[in-house]
N, C-alpha and C. Protein backbone atom coordinates (compact mmCIF):
# COMPACT_ATOMS: atom_id res chain seq x y z
N GLU A 1 294.65 81.77 100.85
CA GLU A 1 294.29 81.16 102.13
C GLU A 1 292.88 81.57 102.54
N THR A 2 292.56 82.86 102.49
CA THR A 2 291.23 83.29 102.90
C THR A 2 290.16 82.89 101.90
N LYS A 3 290.52 82.67 100.65
CA LYS A 3 289.53 82.25 99.66
C LYS A 3 288.98 80.87 99.98
N CYS A 4 289.75 80.04 100.67
CA CYS A 4 289.31 78.69 101.03
C CYS A 4 288.71 78.64 102.42
N THR A 5 288.57 79.77 103.07
CA THR A 5 288.05 79.82 104.42
C THR A 5 286.58 80.20 104.38
N ASN A 6 285.75 79.19 104.51
CA ASN A 6 284.31 79.37 104.49
C ASN A 6 283.72 78.39 105.48
N SER A 7 283.02 78.88 106.49
CA SER A 7 282.53 78.02 107.57
C SER A 7 281.60 76.93 107.07
N THR A 8 280.74 77.25 106.11
CA THR A 8 279.81 76.25 105.59
C THR A 8 280.56 75.16 104.84
N PHE A 9 281.50 75.56 103.98
CA PHE A 9 282.30 74.60 103.22
C PHE A 9 283.08 73.67 104.17
N LEU A 10 283.70 74.25 105.17
CA LEU A 10 284.50 73.44 106.10
C LEU A 10 283.63 72.49 106.90
N ALA A 11 282.46 72.94 107.33
CA ALA A 11 281.55 72.08 108.07
C ALA A 11 281.08 70.90 107.21
N ILE A 12 280.80 71.17 105.94
CA ILE A 12 280.39 70.10 105.02
C ILE A 12 281.52 69.11 104.83
N CYS A 13 282.73 69.61 104.63
CA CYS A 13 283.88 68.71 104.46
C CYS A 13 284.08 67.84 105.69
N ASN A 14 284.06 68.44 106.87
CA ASN A 14 284.28 67.66 108.10
C ASN A 14 283.16 66.64 108.31
N SER A 15 281.92 67.02 108.01
CA SER A 15 280.81 66.08 108.22
C SER A 15 280.80 64.96 107.18
N ALA A 16 281.49 65.16 106.07
CA ALA A 16 281.53 64.14 105.02
C ALA A 16 282.56 63.05 105.29
N VAL A 17 283.43 63.26 106.25
CA VAL A 17 284.44 62.25 106.57
C VAL A 17 283.75 61.03 107.16
N ASP A 18 284.09 59.86 106.65
CA ASP A 18 283.54 58.61 107.18
C ASP A 18 284.43 58.16 108.34
N TRP A 19 284.12 58.64 109.53
CA TRP A 19 284.94 58.35 110.71
C TRP A 19 284.89 56.88 111.10
N THR A 20 283.91 56.12 110.59
CA THR A 20 283.80 54.70 110.92
C THR A 20 284.59 53.82 109.95
N TYR A 21 285.19 54.43 108.93
CA TYR A 21 285.98 53.67 107.95
C TYR A 21 287.07 52.88 108.68
N VAL A 22 287.16 51.60 108.39
CA VAL A 22 288.13 50.72 109.05
C VAL A 22 289.45 50.71 108.29
N VAL A 23 290.50 51.03 109.02
CA VAL A 23 291.86 51.00 108.49
C VAL A 23 292.41 49.63 108.83
N GLY A 24 292.57 48.78 107.83
CA GLY A 24 292.92 47.39 108.08
C GLY A 24 294.39 47.08 108.15
N ASP A 25 295.25 47.93 107.62
CA ASP A 25 296.67 47.59 107.59
C ASP A 25 297.44 48.15 108.78
N GLY A 26 296.74 48.81 109.68
CA GLY A 26 297.38 49.35 110.87
C GLY A 26 298.09 50.67 110.67
N ALA A 27 298.13 51.18 109.44
CA ALA A 27 298.83 52.44 109.17
C ALA A 27 298.18 53.57 109.94
N GLY A 28 298.93 54.18 110.83
CA GLY A 28 298.44 55.30 111.60
C GLY A 28 297.61 54.93 112.81
N CYS A 29 297.34 53.63 113.02
CA CYS A 29 296.55 53.22 114.18
C CYS A 29 297.33 53.48 115.46
N PRO A 30 296.65 53.96 116.49
CA PRO A 30 297.33 54.23 117.75
C PRO A 30 297.69 52.95 118.51
N ASP A 31 298.69 53.07 119.35
CA ASP A 31 299.07 52.00 120.28
C ASP A 31 299.32 50.65 119.61
N GLY A 32 299.83 50.66 118.39
CA GLY A 32 300.17 49.41 117.72
C GLY A 32 298.99 48.57 117.29
N MET A 33 297.78 49.16 117.27
CA MET A 33 296.60 48.41 116.83
C MET A 33 296.78 48.03 115.36
N THR A 34 296.34 46.83 115.00
CA THR A 34 296.46 46.40 113.60
C THR A 34 295.23 46.79 112.79
N THR A 35 294.12 47.04 113.47
CA THR A 35 292.89 47.49 112.82
C THR A 35 292.28 48.58 113.69
N CYS A 36 291.83 49.64 113.06
CA CYS A 36 291.18 50.72 113.79
C CYS A 36 290.32 51.51 112.82
N THR A 37 289.61 52.49 113.32
CA THR A 37 288.79 53.34 112.46
C THR A 37 289.54 54.63 112.14
N LEU A 38 289.05 55.32 111.16
CA LEU A 38 289.62 56.62 110.80
C LEU A 38 289.54 57.57 112.00
N ALA A 39 288.48 57.47 112.79
CA ALA A 39 288.36 58.29 114.00
C ALA A 39 289.51 58.01 114.97
N ASP A 40 289.91 56.73 115.08
CA ASP A 40 291.04 56.39 115.94
C ASP A 40 292.33 57.00 115.41
N VAL A 41 292.54 56.91 114.11
CA VAL A 41 293.77 57.42 113.49
C VAL A 41 293.90 58.91 113.72
N TRP A 42 292.79 59.64 113.59
CA TRP A 42 292.80 61.10 113.72
C TRP A 42 292.48 61.57 115.13
N ASN A 43 292.31 60.63 116.07
CA ASN A 43 291.96 60.95 117.45
C ASN A 43 290.73 61.86 117.49
N ALA A 44 289.78 61.54 116.65
CA ALA A 44 288.53 62.30 116.57
C ALA A 44 287.39 61.37 116.98
N THR A 45 287.43 60.91 118.20
CA THR A 45 286.48 59.90 118.65
C THR A 45 285.22 60.50 119.26
N SER A 46 285.17 61.82 119.41
CA SER A 46 283.95 62.46 119.91
C SER A 46 283.35 63.32 118.80
N ALA A 47 282.05 63.59 118.93
CA ALA A 47 281.38 64.45 117.95
C ALA A 47 282.00 65.84 117.94
N ASN A 48 282.42 66.31 119.09
CA ASN A 48 283.05 67.64 119.16
C ASN A 48 284.34 67.66 118.35
N ALA A 49 285.16 66.64 118.51
CA ALA A 49 286.43 66.58 117.76
C ALA A 49 286.16 66.42 116.27
N GLN A 50 285.18 65.62 115.90
CA GLN A 50 284.88 65.39 114.49
C GLN A 50 284.37 66.66 113.81
N SER A 51 283.75 67.55 114.56
CA SER A 51 283.21 68.77 113.94
C SER A 51 284.30 69.77 113.58
N VAL A 52 285.49 69.62 114.15
CA VAL A 52 286.61 70.55 113.87
C VAL A 52 287.85 69.81 113.38
N THR A 53 287.64 68.59 112.86
CA THR A 53 288.74 67.78 112.35
C THR A 53 288.34 67.25 110.99
N PRO A 54 289.18 67.32 109.99
CA PRO A 54 290.54 67.86 110.00
C PRO A 54 290.59 69.38 109.84
N PHE A 55 289.47 70.00 109.37
CA PHE A 55 289.51 71.45 109.13
C PHE A 55 288.94 72.22 110.31
N HIS A 56 289.69 73.21 110.77
CA HIS A 56 289.23 74.02 111.89
C HIS A 56 289.34 75.49 111.50
N LEU A 57 288.19 76.14 111.46
CA LEU A 57 288.14 77.56 111.12
C LEU A 57 288.47 78.39 112.35
N ASP A 58 289.46 79.25 112.21
CA ASP A 58 289.83 80.16 113.29
C ASP A 58 289.21 81.50 112.97
N ASP A 59 288.08 81.78 113.62
CA ASP A 59 287.37 83.02 113.32
C ASP A 59 287.64 84.12 114.34
N VAL A 60 288.63 83.91 115.22
CA VAL A 60 289.00 84.98 116.16
C VAL A 60 290.19 85.78 115.64
N VAL A 61 290.73 85.39 114.49
CA VAL A 61 291.81 86.15 113.87
C VAL A 61 291.26 86.84 112.63
N SER A 62 291.95 87.86 112.21
CA SER A 62 291.53 88.57 111.00
C SER A 62 292.74 88.72 110.09
N PRO A 63 292.67 88.21 108.87
CA PRO A 63 291.54 87.49 108.30
C PRO A 63 291.40 86.10 108.93
N GLU A 64 290.20 85.54 108.79
CA GLU A 64 289.97 84.18 109.28
C GLU A 64 290.95 83.23 108.62
N LYS A 65 291.25 82.14 109.32
CA LYS A 65 292.25 81.20 108.82
C LYS A 65 291.74 79.77 109.04
N THR A 66 292.05 78.90 108.09
CA THR A 66 291.72 77.49 108.21
C THR A 66 292.98 76.71 108.57
N SER A 67 292.86 75.87 109.58
CA SER A 67 293.97 75.00 109.97
C SER A 67 293.55 73.56 109.75
N ILE A 68 294.52 72.72 109.45
CA ILE A 68 294.30 71.28 109.35
C ILE A 68 294.95 70.68 110.58
N LEU A 69 294.11 70.13 111.46
CA LEU A 69 294.58 69.61 112.74
C LEU A 69 293.91 68.28 113.04
N TRP A 70 294.57 67.46 113.82
CA TRP A 70 293.94 66.23 114.27
C TRP A 70 293.31 66.47 115.63
N GLY A 71 292.60 65.49 116.16
CA GLY A 71 291.78 65.70 117.35
C GLY A 71 292.51 65.64 118.68
N ASP A 72 293.71 66.15 118.76
CA ASP A 72 294.48 66.12 120.00
C ASP A 72 293.69 66.76 121.13
N GLY A 73 293.68 66.11 122.29
CA GLY A 73 292.90 66.57 123.43
C GLY A 73 293.24 67.97 123.90
N CYS A 74 294.46 68.43 123.65
CA CYS A 74 294.84 69.77 124.10
C CYS A 74 294.10 70.85 123.32
N ARG A 75 293.42 70.48 122.26
CA ARG A 75 292.66 71.45 121.46
C ARG A 75 291.33 71.82 122.11
N PHE A 76 291.00 71.19 123.23
CA PHE A 76 289.69 71.37 123.83
C PHE A 76 289.79 71.82 125.28
N GLU A 77 288.84 72.64 125.68
CA GLU A 77 288.60 72.97 127.08
C GLU A 77 287.25 72.38 127.39
N GLY A 78 287.26 71.25 128.08
CA GLY A 78 286.01 70.50 128.25
C GLY A 78 285.55 70.02 126.89
N ASP A 79 284.34 70.39 126.51
CA ASP A 79 283.80 69.99 125.21
C ASP A 79 283.97 71.07 124.15
N THR A 80 284.57 72.18 124.52
CA THR A 80 284.70 73.31 123.61
C THR A 80 286.05 73.31 122.90
N ALA A 81 286.01 73.37 121.58
CA ALA A 81 287.24 73.43 120.79
C ALA A 81 287.81 74.84 120.87
N LEU A 82 289.08 74.94 121.21
CA LEU A 82 289.75 76.24 121.23
C LEU A 82 290.10 76.65 119.81
N PRO A 83 290.01 77.92 119.48
CA PRO A 83 290.46 78.36 118.16
C PRO A 83 291.95 78.05 118.00
N PRO A 84 292.38 77.65 116.81
CA PRO A 84 293.80 77.32 116.61
C PRO A 84 294.75 78.41 117.08
N SER A 85 294.38 79.68 116.95
CA SER A 85 295.27 80.76 117.38
C SER A 85 295.42 80.84 118.89
N GLU A 86 294.57 80.15 119.64
CA GLU A 86 294.64 80.18 121.10
C GLU A 86 295.32 78.94 121.68
N LEU A 87 295.81 78.05 120.83
CA LEU A 87 296.52 76.87 121.32
C LEU A 87 297.92 77.27 121.74
N ASP A 88 298.41 76.66 122.82
CA ASP A 88 299.80 76.95 123.18
C ASP A 88 300.71 76.30 122.14
N ALA A 89 301.96 76.73 122.09
CA ALA A 89 302.88 76.31 121.03
C ALA A 89 303.05 74.79 120.97
N THR A 90 303.15 74.15 122.11
CA THR A 90 303.33 72.69 122.13
C THR A 90 302.11 71.99 121.57
N CYS A 91 300.94 72.42 121.98
CA CYS A 91 299.70 71.81 121.49
C CYS A 91 299.57 72.03 119.98
N ALA A 92 299.81 73.25 119.54
CA ALA A 92 299.70 73.56 118.12
C ALA A 92 300.63 72.67 117.30
N GLU A 93 301.83 72.43 117.79
CA GLU A 93 302.78 71.57 117.09
C GLU A 93 302.33 70.12 117.12
N ASP A 94 301.84 69.66 118.27
CA ASP A 94 301.41 68.27 118.43
C ASP A 94 300.13 67.97 117.64
N ALA A 95 299.33 68.99 117.35
CA ALA A 95 298.05 68.77 116.67
C ALA A 95 298.17 68.74 115.15
N VAL A 96 299.37 68.96 114.62
CA VAL A 96 299.56 68.91 113.17
C VAL A 96 299.60 67.45 112.74
N PRO A 97 298.79 67.08 111.75
CA PRO A 97 298.77 65.69 111.29
C PRO A 97 300.12 65.22 110.77
N VAL A 98 300.33 63.92 110.89
CA VAL A 98 301.54 63.29 110.34
C VAL A 98 301.13 62.47 109.13
N ALA A 99 302.12 62.05 108.35
CA ALA A 99 301.85 61.35 107.10
C ALA A 99 300.95 60.14 107.27
N GLU A 100 301.12 59.38 108.35
CA GLU A 100 300.33 58.15 108.55
C GLU A 100 298.84 58.43 108.66
N GLN A 101 298.48 59.64 109.07
CA GLN A 101 297.06 59.96 109.20
C GLN A 101 296.41 60.23 107.85
N TRP A 102 297.18 60.43 106.82
CA TRP A 102 296.63 60.70 105.49
C TRP A 102 296.49 59.46 104.65
N THR A 103 296.99 58.32 105.12
CA THR A 103 296.94 57.11 104.30
C THR A 103 295.63 56.39 104.41
């Protein structure tokens, strides 16, 4: 787990996601939309959410830990992303991706 935890690597991976990619079959689209973007599917519609989605480095725990989370609003205080270890239990559970988000 810690071998894969590298802030530079995670930042590169997150920035490489094409959030504008159009999902045409509606799989994972919110609110019954038939077409949406990958950002819509992952609820990562802001630059702040995209910088910590899908990989979020938790550097307030030791050893550091990488979590895979979607852009659920409860992960943020204003524009600041909370470390995964500081999310309340309900938010942490709700922020775990579901199968439709991987298609």
